[in-house]
Amino acid sequence: MGNAFNKTKDFLGTAYTKTKHALGTADDIFSKFKNIYNKVQPALKDAAPEQLKQTMSNIDSRIQQGMGGYSGIREKIGQAENKMVNTVGNVMSALK
């Protein structure tokens, strides 16, 4: 039983570490995109021909909504991670 518990613990630890790394990489890519977009967006808006200004405004609005949605998801993931870490910590303490 102890061996199965240790293997399960190791598996979950590895899965957690790999998932956290993948999410960290995705978050880094998103942060770089957001940074670049926020710097380039005013120039794109100013350089757009008059016929495309409304289209550019619509695209910008959608991108801003996407960035807001990502921030919300990121916050929920952080809250879920904190809850999971606390729960696992409580379980591990109870098992000692």
Protein backbone atom coordinates (compact mmCIF):
# COMPACT_ATOMS: atom_id res chain seq x y z
CA MET A 1 0.00 0.00 0.00
CA GLY A 2 2.83 2.37 0.88
CA ASN A 3 4.57 1.61 -2.41
CA ALA A 4 1.41 2.39 -4.40
CA PHE A 5 0.95 5.62 -2.45
CA ASN A 6 4.55 6.69 -3.17
CA LYS A 7 4.21 5.89 -6.88
CA THR A 8 0.96 7.86 -7.05
CA LYS A 9 2.56 10.77 -5.21
CA ASP A 10 5.56 10.73 -7.59
CA PHE A 11 3.28 10.56 -10.64
CA LEU A 12 1.15 13.48 -9.44
CA GLY A 13 4.25 15.49 -8.55
CA THR A 14 5.72 14.96 -12.01
CA ALA A 15 2.40 15.80 -13.71
CA TYR A 16 2.08 18.96 -11.60
CA THR A 17 5.64 20.07 -12.39
CA LYS A 18 5.30 19.48 -16.14
CA THR A 19 1.89 21.16 -16.29
CA LYS A 20 3.14 24.16 -14.31
CA HIS A 21 6.12 24.46 -16.67
CA ALA A 22 3.87 24.30 -19.77
CA LEU A 23 1.49 26.90 -18.33
CA GLY A 24 4.45 29.10 -17.40
CA THR A 25 5.75 28.92 -20.96
CA ALA A 26 2.32 29.78 -22.38
CA ASP A 27 2.00 32.66 -19.92
CA ASP A 28 5.41 33.97 -20.94
CA ILE A 29 4.44 33.88 -24.63
CA PHE A 30 1.16 35.65 -23.90
CA SER A 31 2.91 38.32 -21.80
CA LYS A 32 5.37 39.01 -24.63
CA PHE A 33 2.53 39.21 -27.17
CA LYS A 34 0.59 41.58 -24.92
CA ASN A 35 3.64 43.78 -24.39
CA ILE A 36 4.45 43.96 -28.10
CA TYR A 37 0.81 44.49 -29.11
CA ASN A 38 0.34 47.33 -26.62
CA LYS A 39 3.40 49.08 -28.07
CA VAL A 40 2.52 48.50 -31.73
CA GLN A 41 -1.26 49.01 -31.53
CA PRO A 42 -1.22 52.86 -31.52
CA ALA A 43 1.03 52.91 -34.58
CA LEU A 44 -1.20 50.44 -36.41
CA LYS A 45 -4.25 52.52 -35.56
CA ASP A 46 -2.62 55.74 -36.80
CA ALA A 47 -1.16 54.17 -39.95
CA ALA A 48 -4.38 52.48 -41.04
CA PRO A 49 -6.13 54.03 -44.03
CA GLU A 50 -9.44 55.69 -43.24
CA GLN A 51 -11.36 52.78 -44.81
CA LEU A 52 -9.76 50.32 -42.36
CA LYS A 53 -10.02 52.37 -39.16
CA GLN A 54 -13.35 50.80 -38.15
CA THR A 55 -12.04 47.31 -38.93
CA MET A 56 -8.88 48.01 -36.92
CA SER A 57 -11.01 49.26 -34.05
CA ASN A 58 -13.08 46.05 -34.13
CA ILE A 59 -9.94 43.90 -34.22
CA ASP A 60 -8.44 45.85 -31.33
CA SER A 61 -11.64 45.44 -29.33
CA ARG A 62 -11.59 41.65 -29.87
CA ILE A 63 -7.92 41.42 -28.91
CA GLN A 64 -8.56 43.47 -25.74
CA GLN A 65 -11.46 41.14 -24.86
CA GLY A 66 -9.20 38.14 -25.41
CA MET A 67 -6.51 39.60 -23.18
CA GLY A 68 -9.09 40.29 -20.47
CA GLY A 69 -10.43 36.75 -20.78
CA TYR A 70 -6.93 35.31 -20.51
CA SER A 71 -6.26 37.36 -17.39
CA GLY A 72 -9.46 35.97 -15.83
CA ILE A 73 -8.48 32.39 -16.68
CA ARG A 74 -4.98 32.99 -15.32
CA GLU A 75 -6.42 34.25 -12.04
CA LYS A 76 -8.72 31.21 -11.72
CA ILE A 77 -5.81 28.85 -12.40
CA GLY A 78 -3.78 30.58 -9.69
CA GLN A 79 -6.63 30.27 -7.21
CA ALA A 80 -7.14 26.59 -8.07
CA GLU A 81 -3.41 25.93 -7.70
CA ASN A 82 -3.31 27.58 -4.28
CA LYS A 83 -6.33 25.58 -3.14
CA MET A 84 -4.80 22.34 -4.43
CA VAL A 85 -1.43 23.00 -2.76
CA ASN A 86 -3.15 23.76 0.54
CA THR A 87 -5.35 20.66 0.30
CA VAL A 88 -2.41 18.38 -0.55
CA GLY A 89 -0.43 19.93 2.31
CA ASN A 90 -3.28 19.23 4.71
CA VAL A 91 -3.61 15.63 3.51
CA MET A 92 0.15 15.04 3.78
CA SER A 93 0.18 16.49 7.30
CA ALA A 94 -2.73 14.25 8.32
CA LEU A 95 -0.94 11.17 6.98
CA LYS A 96 2.23 11.77 9.02
